[in-house]
Amino acid sequence: MLTNIPLRVNKTTIIPGISDHDIPLVELSLKPHHIYQERRRIPIYRRANWDGLRDHLKTSNEQLQTIHDSPEEMWNNLKQSINEASTKFIPTKLAKRKDSLPWINPYLDSLIVKRNNLRKRSKRYGKMKTEMRYKEHKRIVQREMRKQHRSYIQTMLTESEDSSATTNKKFWTYVKHRRGDSSEITAIKTDHRLLTDKKSMANALNHQFHSVFSPAEPAQPTTDRDQNDITVMNDIFVHKDGVLKLLKDLKPNKASGPDNISARLLKETADIIADPLCYIYNQSLSKSEVPSDWRHANVTPIFKKGDKSKPENY
């Protein structure tokens, strides 16, 4: 079987046929799959009021130092303070959907609007003169669209020579959305049942990932050694300098985790939040408690090969 969209092939098997001939059985996803992304708000860090944000966090940190709650409550208070400061001092904008065309500028947008208006007038009145104007304007839009597209590609390829993170991300985002296939999982088969809803598929994949790890076994104390020969381990204490260094070494372009706190925000406010984070770490170690946010992670299954409906192939 020949195809230019290999991810549409879910399964290929050979079954017995007539006489000495076998039958290749191929399962395909022929239904077009469209993912419509909702527009989301993204922060504009270059217009952020970092001084006001730091002053707000300083005031909140002074209040947090007087609270001696569990690590869970302390972390939730710190996270709430960071989110409030981010909302107040960092402006946002609505991002474009991924299926939008980035090379359409305001001039080209106005040409498209005029073309659509001429098309409506041509269909409404049916005059030859209006139809000719519509066809002429349609050719102009097509010519300008190709011109702007070539210019966008040329600019992107020229800028990619400096190997900056922003330019490379823009290039690979364009390549990804020019592909005609989708990497989304459509169905998972487990216990002779075909699952299609997202929650059931996520649970099936989670069970598969959990099963490949060895079960945790409690450590058994050894009694064959003299107690005087055993070196007692000192208590672990997290220092502010180490937390500050790790915060400043964060890569600002990395995606945020389940807590939705960006690495850019953590890095810009490292000198302010290092103290409360250090205190929470030490309280977590002393009380043997870990905040629930720190036990969560975003897991993305990646298809390897074989039958796409089997969880073990991810």
Protein backbone atom coordinates (compact mmCIF):
# COMPACT_ATOMS: atom_id res chain seq x y z
CA MET A 1 0.00 0.00 0.00
CA LEU A 2 1.36 3.40 -1.00
CA THR A 3 0.37 6.56 0.88
CA ASN A 4 1.82 10.01 1.50
CA ILE A 5 0.12 10.20 4.93
CA PRO A 6 1.47 7.16 6.84
CA LEU A 7 -0.12 8.20 10.15
CA ARG A 8 -3.56 7.52 8.65
CA VAL A 9 -2.68 3.79 8.56
CA ASN A 10 -3.90 2.31 11.86
CA LYS A 11 -3.14 -1.36 11.31
CA THR A 12 -1.81 -3.75 8.64
CA THR A 13 -2.20 -7.54 8.94
CA ILE A 14 -2.05 -10.59 6.65
CA ILE A 15 -5.03 -12.94 6.79
CA PRO A 16 -5.56 -16.30 5.00
CA GLY A 17 -7.03 -15.98 1.53
CA ILE A 18 -8.11 -18.34 -1.25
CA SER A 19 -5.80 -21.24 -2.10
CA ASP A 20 -2.15 -20.21 -1.65
CA HIS A 21 -2.92 -16.47 -1.76
CA ASP A 22 -2.94 -14.30 1.35
CA ILE A 23 -4.95 -11.14 1.87
CA PRO A 24 -3.31 -7.94 3.18
CA LEU A 25 -5.80 -6.18 5.47
CA VAL A 26 -5.23 -2.45 6.00
CA GLU A 27 -7.23 -0.30 8.42
CA LEU A 28 -7.24 3.38 7.47
CA SER A 29 -8.60 6.56 9.01
CA LEU A 30 -10.29 8.12 6.00
CA LYS A 31 -12.47 10.62 7.84
CA PRO A 32 -10.91 14.09 7.70
CA HIS A 33 -9.84 15.14 11.16
CA HIS A 34 -9.91 18.84 11.96
CA ILE A 35 -8.67 20.30 15.22
CA TYR A 36 -10.06 23.76 15.86
CA GLN A 37 -7.93 25.47 18.45
CA GLU A 38 -9.56 27.96 20.76
CA ARG A 39 -7.94 31.34 20.94
CA ARG A 40 -5.97 31.70 24.15
CA ARG A 41 -4.43 34.60 25.99
CA ILE A 42 -0.65 34.88 25.92
CA PRO A 43 1.38 37.29 28.09
CA ILE A 44 3.29 40.22 26.58
CA TYR A 45 6.44 40.18 28.70
CA ARG A 46 8.14 43.09 26.91
CA ARG A 47 5.39 45.41 28.19
CA ALA A 48 5.27 43.98 31.72
CA ASN A 49 5.68 46.18 34.79
CA TRP A 50 8.38 44.10 36.46
CA ASP A 51 9.04 46.62 39.24
CA GLY A 52 5.41 46.71 40.28
CA LEU A 53 5.20 42.91 40.06
CA ARG A 54 8.25 42.48 42.32
CA ASP A 55 6.88 44.96 44.88
CA HIS A 56 3.57 43.08 44.92
CA LEU A 57 5.37 39.76 45.52
CA LYS A 58 7.52 41.29 48.28
CA THR A 59 4.40 42.39 50.16
CA SER A 60 2.81 38.98 49.72
CA ASN A 61 5.97 37.20 50.85
CA GLU A 62 6.03 39.19 54.10
CA GLN A 63 2.55 37.91 54.85
CA LEU A 64 3.46 34.35 53.90
CA GLN A 65 6.38 34.29 56.33
CA THR A 66 3.96 34.67 59.25
CA ILE A 67 1.93 31.62 58.15
CA HIS A 68 3.02 28.23 59.43
CA ASP A 69 0.67 25.92 57.57
CA SER A 70 1.31 22.70 55.69
CA PRO A 71 3.50 22.77 52.55
CA GLU A 72 0.32 22.32 50.47
CA GLU A 73 -1.31 25.47 51.86
CA MET A 74 1.91 27.49 51.71
CA TRP A 75 2.46 26.56 48.07
CA ASN A 76 -1.16 27.38 47.17
CA ASN A 77 -0.79 30.81 48.82
CA LEU A 78 2.45 31.49 46.93
CA LYS A 79 0.94 30.31 43.64
CA GLN A 80 -2.11 32.51 44.16
CA SER A 81 0.14 35.49 44.87
CA ILE A 82 2.17 34.86 41.69
CA ASN A 83 -0.97 34.50 39.56
CA GLU A 84 -2.49 37.69 40.97
CA ALA A 85 0.70 39.63 40.27
CA SER A 86 0.91 38.20 36.76
CA THR A 87 -2.68 39.16 35.98
CA LYS A 88 -2.22 42.68 37.35
CA PHE A 89 1.19 43.67 35.94
CA ILE A 90 1.62 41.60 32.74
CA PRO A 91 -0.67 42.54 29.80
CA THR A 92 -2.01 39.81 27.55
CA LYS A 93 -3.31 39.44 24.02
CA LEU A 94 -5.41 36.88 22.16
CA ALA A 95 -3.24 34.52 20.14
CA LYS A 96 -4.12 33.62 16.59
CA ARG A 97 -5.36 30.15 15.86
CA LYS A 98 -2.83 27.73 14.43
CA ASP A 99 -4.85 27.32 11.23
CA SER A 100 -4.57 31.04 10.44
CA LEU A 101 -2.19 32.21 7.72
CA PRO A 102 0.59 34.38 9.21
CA TRP A 103 1.53 36.00 5.89
CA ILE A 104 -1.83 37.75 5.48
CA ASN A 105 -1.15 41.41 6.27
CA PRO A 106 -3.75 44.19 6.60
CA TYR A 107 -3.41 45.15 2.91
CA LEU A 108 -4.07 41.60 1.76
CA ASP A 109 -6.90 41.31 4.25
CA SER A 110 -8.59 44.34 2.73
CA LEU A 111 -8.23 42.84 -0.77
CA ILE A 112 -9.88 39.63 0.44
CA VAL A 113 -12.79 41.57 1.94
CA LYS A 114 -13.27 43.47 -1.34
CA ARG A 115 -13.14 40.20 -3.31
CA ASN A 116 -15.81 38.65 -1.10
CA ASN A 117 -18.05 41.70 -1.47
CA LEU A 118 -17.72 41.58 -5.27
CA ARG A 119 -18.57 37.88 -5.21
CA LYS A 120 -21.76 38.55 -3.24
CA ARG A 121 -22.78 41.37 -5.63
CA SER A 122 -22.04 39.16 -8.64
CA LYS A 123 -24.26 36.36 -7.31
CA ARG A 124 -27.03 38.77 -6.29
CA TYR A 125 -27.36 40.85 -9.47
CA GLY A 126 -25.86 38.50 -12.09
CA LYS A 127 -24.44 41.31 -14.19
CA MET A 128 -21.60 40.53 -16.58
CA LYS A 129 -19.67 43.70 -15.63
CA THR A 130 -19.78 42.84 -11.91
CA GLU A 131 -18.72 39.26 -12.61
CA MET A 132 -15.75 40.45 -14.67
CA ARG A 133 -14.68 42.81 -11.86
CA TYR A 134 -14.96 39.93 -9.39
CA LYS A 135 -12.80 37.61 -11.54
CA GLU A 136 -10.21 40.33 -12.09
CA HIS A 137 -10.03 41.08 -8.36
CA LYS A 138 -9.85 37.37 -7.61
CA ARG A 139 -6.72 37.08 -9.78
CA ILE A 140 -5.21 40.07 -7.95
CA VAL A 141 -5.83 38.42 -4.57
CA GLN A 142 -4.31 35.14 -5.75
CA ARG A 143 -1.24 36.93 -7.10
CA GLU A 144 -0.74 38.95 -3.91
CA MET A 145 -1.35 35.87 -1.76
CA ARG A 146 1.41 33.92 -3.55
CA LYS A 147 3.71 36.94 -3.36
CA GLN A 148 3.24 37.39 0.39
CA HIS A 149 3.60 33.65 1.00
CA ARG A 150 6.92 33.51 -0.88
CA SER A 151 8.13 36.59 0.98
CA TYR A 152 7.17 35.03 4.34
CA ILE A 153 9.01 31.79 3.54
CA GLN A 154 12.08 33.65 2.26
CA THR A 155 12.24 35.84 5.37
CA MET A 156 11.82 32.86 7.67
CA LEU A 157 14.57 30.88 5.93
CA THR A 158 16.92 33.88 5.91
CA GLU A 159 16.38 34.56 9.62
CA SER A 160 16.82 30.87 10.52
CA GLU A 161 20.54 31.13 9.75
CA ASP A 162 21.13 32.76 13.15
CA SER A 163 19.59 29.63 14.77
CA SER A 164 17.63 31.64 17.30
CA ALA A 165 15.03 29.78 19.33
CA THR A 166 12.14 32.01 18.20
CA THR A 167 12.93 31.68 14.49
CA ASN A 168 13.45 27.92 14.65
CA LYS A 169 10.17 27.51 16.50
CA LYS A 170 8.39 29.57 13.85
CA PHE A 171 9.93 27.47 11.07
CA TRP A 172 9.03 24.09 12.57
CA THR A 173 5.54 25.29 13.47
CA TYR A 174 5.02 26.15 9.81
CA VAL A 175 6.36 22.75 8.67
CA LYS A 176 4.16 20.91 11.18
CA HIS A 177 0.97 22.61 10.07
CA ARG A 178 1.74 22.08 6.38
CA ARG A 179 1.56 18.34 6.93
CA GLY A 180 -1.64 16.64 5.88
CA ASP A 181 -1.85 14.19 8.75
CA SER A 182 -2.63 14.38 12.43
CA SER A 183 -0.81 12.77 15.33
CA GLU A 184 -3.88 12.71 17.57
CA ILE A 185 -4.95 9.30 18.89
CA THR A 186 -8.37 8.35 17.55
CA ALA A 187 -9.01 4.97 19.24
CA ILE A 188 -7.40 2.64 21.79
CA LYS A 189 -8.19 -1.07 22.09
CA THR A 190 -7.94 -2.70 25.53
CA ASP A 191 -9.59 -5.79 27.03
CA HIS A 192 -11.25 -6.49 23.65
CA ARG A 193 -12.98 -3.10 23.78
CA LEU A 194 -12.45 -0.16 21.43
CA LEU A 195 -12.25 3.14 23.33
CA THR A 196 -12.87 6.42 21.52
CA ASP A 197 -13.58 9.01 24.23
CA LYS A 198 -10.55 10.95 25.45
CA LYS A 199 -10.90 10.16 29.16
CA SER A 200 -11.06 6.38 28.61
CA MET A 201 -8.09 6.47 26.22
CA ALA A 202 -6.07 8.54 28.71
CA ASN A 203 -6.83 6.05 31.49
CA ALA A 204 -5.84 3.11 29.27
CA LEU A 205 -2.53 4.77 28.34
CA ASN A 206 -1.90 5.73 31.95
CA HIS A 207 -2.42 2.10 33.01
CA GLN A 208 0.03 0.97 30.32
CA PHE A 209 2.72 3.48 31.36
CA HIS A 210 2.23 2.55 35.02
CA SER A 211 2.57 -1.17 34.30
CA VAL A 212 6.08 -0.90 32.80
CA PHE A 213 7.56 0.38 36.06
CA SER A 214 8.71 -2.00 38.77
CA PRO A 215 6.52 -1.90 41.90
CA ALA A 216 8.02 -0.04 44.83
CA GLU A 217 9.22 -2.41 47.55
CA PRO A 218 9.76 -1.23 51.13
CA ALA A 219 13.42 -1.20 52.15
CA GLN A 220 14.33 -3.85 54.74
CA PRO A 221 16.76 -2.75 57.46
CA THR A 222 19.98 -4.75 57.69
CA THR A 223 20.93 -6.25 61.06
CA ASP A 224 24.21 -7.96 60.19
CA ARG A 225 26.32 -4.86 60.86
CA ASP A 226 27.36 -3.30 64.12
CA GLN A 227 25.34 -0.18 64.88
CA ASN A 228 28.53 1.66 65.81
CA ASP A 229 29.84 1.26 62.22
CA ILE A 230 26.82 2.96 60.65
CA THR A 231 27.30 6.62 59.72
CA VAL A 232 24.28 8.72 60.56
CA MET A 233 23.14 10.84 57.62
CA ASN A 234 22.79 14.54 58.35
CA ASP A 235 19.48 16.30 57.84
CA ILE A 236 18.96 17.68 54.34
CA PHE A 237 18.60 21.45 54.28
CA VAL A 238 17.84 23.46 51.15
CA HIS A 239 19.68 26.78 50.95
CA LYS A 240 18.50 29.96 49.25
CA ASP A 241 21.61 30.28 47.06
CA GLY A 242 20.96 26.91 45.45
CA VAL A 243 17.29 27.72 44.78
CA LEU A 244 18.24 31.12 43.36
CA LYS A 245 20.83 29.61 41.02
CA LEU A 246 18.36 27.03 39.68
CA LEU A 247 15.68 29.69 39.12
CA LYS A 248 18.09 31.93 37.19
CA ASP A 249 19.21 28.98 35.03
CA LEU A 250 15.66 28.30 33.81
CA LYS A 251 15.12 28.54 30.05
CA PRO A 252 12.44 31.21 29.55
CA ASN A 253 11.11 29.72 26.30
CA LYS A 254 10.14 26.39 27.87
CA ALA A 255 6.46 25.57 28.33
CA SER A 256 4.87 25.80 31.75
CA GLY A 257 3.70 22.78 33.74
CA PRO A 258 0.27 21.95 35.20
CA ASP A 259 0.54 24.96 37.57
CA ASN A 260 0.59 27.30 34.49
CA ILE A 261 3.44 29.41 35.95
CA SER A 262 5.81 30.30 33.12
CA ALA A 263 9.57 29.84 33.37
CA ARG A 264 10.02 33.46 32.24
CA LEU A 265 8.06 34.70 35.26
CA LEU A 266 10.00 32.46 37.67
CA LYS A 267 13.32 33.64 36.25
CA GLU A 268 12.43 37.35 36.34
CA THR A 269 11.29 37.14 39.98
CA ALA A 270 13.94 34.66 41.17
CA ASP A 271 15.38 36.99 43.82
CA ILE A 272 11.90 37.51 45.32
CA ILE A 273 10.44 34.00 45.35
CA ALA A 274 13.66 32.16 46.27
CA ASP A 275 13.04 32.72 50.01
CA PRO A 276 9.45 31.38 50.16
CA LEU A 277 10.31 28.46 47.86
CA CYS A 278 13.30 27.56 50.04
CA TYR A 279 11.07 27.66 53.13
CA ILE A 280 8.45 25.43 51.47
CA TYR A 281 11.13 22.92 50.39
CA ASN A 282 12.49 22.62 53.92
CA GLN A 283 9.02 22.30 55.42
CA SER A 284 8.21 19.61 52.86
CA LEU A 285 11.33 17.66 53.86
CA SER A 286 10.73 18.01 57.59
CA LYS A 287 7.02 17.09 57.44
CA SER A 288 7.36 14.47 54.65
CA GLU A 289 4.63 16.19 52.63
CA VAL A 290 4.71 17.18 48.97
CA PRO A 291 2.20 19.65 47.45
CA SER A 292 -0.18 18.01 45.02
CA ASP A 293 0.90 20.28 42.12
CA TRP A 294 4.43 18.88 42.37
CA ARG A 295 3.11 15.34 41.89
CA HIS A 296 1.34 16.17 38.63
CA ALA A 297 2.82 16.27 35.12
CA ASN A 298 1.68 16.70 31.53
CA VAL A 299 2.31 13.37 29.75
CA THR A 300 2.18 13.16 25.94
CA PRO A 301 2.04 9.66 24.38
CA ILE A 302 4.24 9.31 21.27
CA PHE A 303 3.45 6.61 18.72
CA LYS A 304 6.35 4.24 17.98
CA LYS A 305 5.27 1.66 15.41
CA GLY A 306 2.83 -1.18 14.83
CA ASP A 307 -0.88 -1.13 15.60
CA LYS A 308 -1.97 2.38 16.62
CA SER A 309 -4.85 1.04 18.70
CA LYS A 310 -2.57 -0.86 21.12
CA PRO A 311 -1.46 1.11 24.21
CA GLU A 312 1.88 -0.74 24.33
CA ASN A 313 2.88 0.86 21.01
CA TYR A 314 3.15 4.29 22.66
